[in-house]
Amino acid sequence: MNTAAVTEFHPQLDEVDHRIIALLREDGRMPFRALAKALGLTEATVRSRVRRLEESNTMRVVAVTDIEAAGYNLLLAVGVQVESRTPESVARELAAIPEVFSVNVVVGTHDIEALVVAEDQAALHRLLSDRLAALPGVRRLTPSLAVNVLKNQPDWVPL
């Protein structure tokens, strides 16, 4: 049997790559021309380096929503215990709810942990009671309201 090895290309990052990434973390919509000026490079050089970083899956520029700017004032971690269904099937239904922005199937006290947002107390009540608790297979919800968010760093990567 002859099998071919598939290898991914992961470029070595130099100081310029790290500076490009740092600038794009500050402003992911920064034009190539502005990046080039800030780095003292040509626009073509910056464009090719960004393309190389993206094509090698070393870097990806994405939009991140500020939940408060989007009108959500409450952030909750919700533990979900499941019965009569698989946690994965319940988690997939949870993930389809717009106010749920993170769903993880876990091992521990709960079967699923989700992060949810709500505009106010009334919206929170509707979300927990009418929508989440009503999903088939949900045995128990254990919500924890965030009263002070000390760190929310969606752009974190180990570079």
C-alpha atoms as a PDB file:
ATOM      1  CA  MET A   1       0.000   0.000   0.000  1.00  0.00           C
ATOM      2  CA  ASN A   2       1.405   3.357  -1.010  1.00  0.00           C
ATOM      3  CA  THR A   3       0.249   6.362   1.007  1.00  0.00           C
ATOM      4  CA  ALA A   4       1.254   9.919   0.350  1.00  0.00           C
ATOM      5  CA  ALA A   5       1.911  12.162   3.305  1.00  0.00           C
ATOM      6  CA  VAL A   6       0.014  15.430   3.329  1.00  0.00           C
ATOM      7  CA  THR A   7       1.976  18.294   4.793  1.00  0.00           C
ATOM      8  CA  GLU A   8       0.783  21.744   5.666  1.00  0.00           C
ATOM      9  CA  PHE A   9       2.965  24.776   5.132  1.00  0.00           C
ATOM     10  CA  HIS A  10       3.489  26.792   8.310  1.00  0.00           C
ATOM     11  CA  PRO A  11       5.807  29.688   7.629  1.00  0.00           C
ATOM     12  CA  GLN A  12       8.382  30.835  10.123  1.00  0.00           C
ATOM     13  CA  LEU A  13       7.221  34.201  11.405  1.00  0.00           C
ATOM     14  CA  ASP A  14       9.742  37.007  11.453  1.00  0.00           C
ATOM     15  CA  GLU A  15       9.521  40.414  13.124  1.00  0.00           C
ATOM     16  CA  VAL A  16       7.694  41.942  10.132  1.00  0.00           C
ATOM     17  CA  ASP A  17       5.027  39.204  10.257  1.00  0.00           C
ATOM     18  CA  HIS A  18       4.544  39.816  13.976  1.00  0.00           C
ATOM     19  CA  ARG A  19       4.234  43.571  13.368  1.00  0.00           C
ATOM     20  CA  ILE A  20       1.651  43.011  10.596  1.00  0.00           C
ATOM     21  CA  ILE A  21      -0.375  40.788  12.907  1.00  0.00           C
ATOM     22  CA  ALA A  22      -0.149  43.342  15.734  1.00  0.00           C
ATOM     23  CA  LEU A  23      -1.368  46.163  13.488  1.00  0.00           C
ATOM     24  CA  LEU A  24      -4.255  44.070  12.154  1.00  0.00           C
ATOM     25  CA  ARG A  25      -5.258  43.163  15.719  1.00  0.00           C
ATOM     26  CA  GLU A  26      -5.638  46.882  16.402  1.00  0.00           C
ATOM     27  CA  ASP A  27      -7.587  47.485  13.188  1.00  0.00           C
ATOM     28  CA  GLY A  28      -8.497  44.474  11.079  1.00  0.00           C
ATOM     29  CA  ARG A  29      -9.706  46.757   8.273  1.00  0.00           C
ATOM     30  CA  MET A  30      -6.434  48.664   7.953  1.00  0.00           C
ATOM     31  CA  PRO A  31      -5.680  49.073   4.220  1.00  0.00           C
ATOM     32  CA  PHE A  32      -2.501  47.573   2.777  1.00  0.00           C
ATOM     33  CA  ARG A  33      -1.275  51.086   1.994  1.00  0.00           C
ATOM     34  CA  ALA A  34      -1.568  52.139   5.654  1.00  0.00           C
ATOM     35  CA  LEU A  35       0.106  48.926   6.812  1.00  0.00           C
ATOM     36  CA  ALA A  36       2.959  49.504   4.371  1.00  0.00           C
ATOM     37  CA  LYS A  37       3.442  53.088   5.555  1.00  0.00           C
ATOM     38  CA  ALA A  38       3.439  52.058   9.236  1.00  0.00           C
ATOM     39  CA  LEU A  39       5.981  49.306   8.537  1.00  0.00           C
ATOM     40  CA  GLY A  40       8.181  51.194   6.077  1.00  0.00           C
ATOM     41  CA  LEU A  41       7.554  48.588   3.366  1.00  0.00           C
ATOM     42  CA  THR A  42       6.013  48.597  -0.085  1.00  0.00           C
ATOM     43  CA  GLU A  43       2.331  47.881  -0.451  1.00  0.00           C
ATOM     44  CA  ALA A  44       3.124  44.849  -2.639  1.00  0.00           C
ATOM     45  CA  THR A  45       5.364  43.367   0.063  1.00  0.00           C
ATOM     46  CA  VAL A  46       2.677  43.775   2.724  1.00  0.00           C
ATOM     47  CA  ARG A  47      -0.006  42.365   0.435  1.00  0.00           C
ATOM     48  CA  SER A  48       2.059  39.244  -0.327  1.00  0.00           C
ATOM     49  CA  ARG A  49       2.945  38.698   3.335  1.00  0.00           C
ATOM     50  CA  VAL A  50      -0.696  39.008   4.443  1.00  0.00           C
ATOM     51  CA  ARG A  51      -1.751  36.621   1.658  1.00  0.00           C
ATOM     52  CA  ARG A  52       0.945  34.121   2.765  1.00  0.00           C
ATOM     53  CA  LEU A  53      -0.183  34.356   6.412  1.00  0.00           C
ATOM     54  CA  GLU A  54      -3.818  33.815   5.417  1.00  0.00           C
ATOM     55  CA  GLU A  55      -3.190  31.008   2.919  1.00  0.00           C
ATOM     56  CA  SER A  56      -1.062  29.101   5.440  1.00  0.00           C
ATOM     57  CA  ASN A  57      -3.824  29.458   8.074  1.00  0.00           C
ATOM     58  CA  THR A  58      -1.387  31.310  10.300  1.00  0.00           C
ATOM     59  CA  MET A  59      -3.664  34.339  10.449  1.00  0.00           C
ATOM     60  CA  ARG A  60      -7.259  35.155   9.621  1.00  0.00           C
ATOM     61  CA  VAL A  61      -8.922  38.560   9.888  1.00  0.00           C
ATOM     62  CA  VAL A  62     -12.453  38.270  11.283  1.00  0.00           C
ATOM     63  CA  ALA A  63     -15.082  40.618  12.670  1.00  0.00           C
ATOM     64  CA  VAL A  64     -15.798  40.432  16.407  1.00  0.00           C
ATOM     65  CA  THR A  65     -19.040  41.779  17.833  1.00  0.00           C
ATOM     66  CA  ASP A  66     -19.003  43.999  20.909  1.00  0.00           C
ATOM     67  CA  ILE A  67     -22.047  42.625  22.751  1.00  0.00           C
ATOM     68  CA  GLU A  68     -22.774  45.897  24.561  1.00  0.00           C
ATOM     69  CA  ALA A  69     -22.581  47.891  21.327  1.00  0.00           C
ATOM     70  CA  ALA A  70     -25.009  45.354  19.822  1.00  0.00           C
ATOM     71  CA  GLY A  71     -27.542  46.145  22.565  1.00  0.00           C
ATOM     72  CA  TYR A  72     -26.981  43.225  24.927  1.00  0.00           C
ATOM     73  CA  ASN A  73     -26.547  44.232  28.563  1.00  0.00           C
ATOM     74  CA  LEU A  74     -26.486  40.805  30.211  1.00  0.00           C
ATOM     75  CA  LEU A  75     -23.940  38.012  29.736  1.00  0.00           C
ATOM     76  CA  LEU A  76     -24.523  34.585  31.230  1.00  0.00           C
ATOM     77  CA  ALA A  77     -22.749  31.271  31.382  1.00  0.00           C
ATOM     78  CA  VAL A  78     -25.407  28.553  31.346  1.00  0.00           C
ATOM     79  CA  GLY A  79     -24.757  24.968  32.364  1.00  0.00           C
ATOM     80  CA  VAL A  80     -27.171  22.526  30.732  1.00  0.00           C
ATOM     81  CA  GLN A  81     -27.927  19.020  31.953  1.00  0.00           C
ATOM     82  CA  VAL A  82     -29.400  16.757  29.278  1.00  0.00           C
ATOM     83  CA  GLU A  83     -31.626  13.679  29.455  1.00  0.00           C
ATOM     84  CA  SER A  84     -33.278  11.450  26.824  1.00  0.00           C
ATOM     85  CA  ARG A  85     -31.122  12.935  24.031  1.00  0.00           C
ATOM     86  CA  THR A  86     -27.474  13.207  23.215  1.00  0.00           C
ATOM     87  CA  PRO A  87     -25.707  16.360  24.423  1.00  0.00           C
ATOM     88  CA  GLU A  88     -24.533  16.963  20.841  1.00  0.00           C
ATOM     89  CA  SER A  89     -28.088  17.087  19.487  1.00  0.00           C
ATOM     90  CA  VAL A  90     -29.211  19.530  22.188  1.00  0.00           C
ATOM     91  CA  ALA A  91     -26.053  21.594  21.687  1.00  0.00           C
ATOM     92  CA  ARG A  92     -26.769  21.908  17.957  1.00  0.00           C
ATOM     93  CA  GLU A  93     -30.247  23.290  18.711  1.00  0.00           C
ATOM     94  CA  LEU A  94     -28.793  25.701  21.268  1.00  0.00           C
ATOM     95  CA  ALA A  95     -26.256  26.887  18.707  1.00  0.00           C
ATOM     96  CA  ALA A  96     -29.080  27.879  16.348  1.00  0.00           C
ATOM     97  CA  ILE A  97     -30.465  30.441  18.846  1.00  0.00           C
ATOM     98  CA  PRO A  98     -29.135  33.932  18.001  1.00  0.00           C
ATOM     99  CA  GLU A  99     -28.564  34.961  21.639  1.00  0.00           C
ATOM    100  CA  VAL A 100     -26.343  31.918  22.183  1.00  0.00           C
ATOM    101  CA  PHE A 101     -22.863  32.745  20.958  1.00  0.00           C
ATOM    102  CA  SER A 102     -20.806  29.884  22.369  1.00  0.00           C
ATOM    103  CA  VAL A 103     -21.778  26.234  22.935  1.00  0.00           C
ATOM    104  CA  ASN A 104     -19.480  23.522  24.257  1.00  0.00           C
ATOM    105  CA  VAL A 105     -20.210  19.877  24.991  1.00  0.00           C
ATOM    106  CA  VAL A 106     -18.255  19.220  28.197  1.00  0.00           C
ATOM    107  CA  VAL A 107     -17.406  16.605  30.778  1.00  0.00           C
ATOM    108  CA  GLY A 108     -18.247  17.614  34.321  1.00  0.00           C
ATOM    109  CA  THR A 109     -21.249  18.804  36.304  1.00  0.00           C
ATOM    110  CA  HIS A 110     -23.071  19.788  33.127  1.00  0.00           C
ATOM    111  CA  ASP A 111     -23.306  18.184  29.714  1.00  0.00           C
ATOM    112  CA  ILE A 112     -23.196  21.519  27.872  1.00  0.00           C
ATOM    113  CA  GLU A 113     -21.885  24.962  28.728  1.00  0.00           C
ATOM    114  CA  ALA A 114     -23.166  27.927  26.752  1.00  0.00           C
ATOM    115  CA  LEU A 115     -22.546  31.659  26.790  1.00  0.00           C
ATOM    116  CA  VAL A 116     -25.690  33.663  26.159  1.00  0.00           C
ATOM    117  CA  VAL A 117     -26.621  37.324  25.993  1.00  0.00           C
ATOM    118  CA  ALA A 118     -29.839  39.213  26.665  1.00  0.00           C
ATOM    119  CA  GLU A 119     -30.935  42.826  26.282  1.00  0.00           C
ATOM    120  CA  ASP A 120     -32.594  43.084  29.703  1.00  0.00           C
ATOM    121  CA  GLN A 121     -34.258  41.063  32.495  1.00  0.00           C
ATOM    122  CA  ALA A 122     -37.466  40.478  30.527  1.00  0.00           C
ATOM    123  CA  ALA A 123     -35.532  39.179  27.490  1.00  0.00           C
ATOM    124  CA  LEU A 124     -33.440  37.016  29.797  1.00  0.00           C
ATOM    125  CA  HIS A 125     -36.566  35.477  31.339  1.00  0.00           C
ATOM    126  CA  ARG A 126     -37.998  34.695  27.887  1.00  0.00           C
ATOM    127  CA  LEU A 127     -34.698  33.230  26.709  1.00  0.00           C
ATOM    128  CA  LEU A 128     -34.209  30.956  29.718  1.00  0.00           C
ATOM    129  CA  SER A 129     -37.802  29.945  30.406  1.00  0.00           C
ATOM    130  CA  ASP A 130     -39.476  29.953  27.015  1.00  0.00           C
ATOM    131  CA  ARG A 131     -36.645  28.939  24.724  1.00  0.00           C
ATOM    132  CA  LEU A 132     -33.749  27.165  26.421  1.00  0.00           C
ATOM    133  CA  ALA A 133     -35.714  25.234  29.054  1.00  0.00           C
ATOM    134  CA  ALA A 134     -38.319  24.270  26.435  1.00  0.00           C
ATOM    135  CA  LEU A 135     -35.815  22.475  24.191  1.00  0.00           C
ATOM    136  CA  PRO A 136     -36.447  18.722  24.143  1.00  0.00           C
ATOM    137  CA  GLY A 137     -33.851  16.945  26.265  1.00  0.00           C
ATOM    138  CA  VAL A 138     -33.020  19.872  28.553  1.00  0.00           C
ATOM    139  CA  ARG A 139     -33.266  18.570  32.113  1.00  0.00           C
ATOM    140  CA  ARG A 140     -31.830  21.505  34.050  1.00  0.00           C
ATOM    141  CA  LEU A 141     -30.351  24.932  33.378  1.00  0.00           C
ATOM    142  CA  THR A 142     -27.830  26.466  35.743  1.00  0.00           C
ATOM    143  CA  PRO A 143     -27.374  30.096  34.703  1.00  0.00           C
ATOM    144  CA  SER A 144     -24.629  32.297  36.115  1.00  0.00           C
ATOM    145  CA  LEU A 145     -24.896  36.028  35.465  1.00  0.00           C
ATOM    146  CA  ALA A 146     -21.631  37.830  34.748  1.00  0.00           C
ATOM    147  CA  VAL A 147     -21.506  40.827  37.085  1.00  0.00           C
ATOM    148  CA  ASN A 148     -17.997  41.980  36.179  1.00  0.00           C
ATOM    149  CA  VAL A 149     -16.260  40.848  32.997  1.00  0.00           C
ATOM    150  CA  LEU A 150     -12.547  41.013  33.757  1.00  0.00           C
ATOM    151  CA  LYS A 151     -11.349  39.619  30.454  1.00  0.00           C
ATOM    152  CA  ASN A 152     -13.057  38.973  27.148  1.00  0.00           C
ATOM    153  CA  GLN A 153     -10.379  38.539  24.547  1.00  0.00           C
ATOM    154  CA  PRO A 154     -11.857  36.963  21.406  1.00  0.00           C
ATOM    155  CA  ASP A 155      -8.767  37.827  19.351  1.00  0.00           C
ATOM    156  CA  TRP A 156      -6.337  35.841  21.507  1.00  0.00           C
ATOM    157  CA  VAL A 157      -3.905  33.543  19.776  1.00  0.00           C
ATOM    158  CA  PRO A 158      -0.627  32.078  21.051  1.00  0.00           C
ATOM    159  CA  LEU A 159       1.766  34.152  18.927  1.00  0.00           C
END
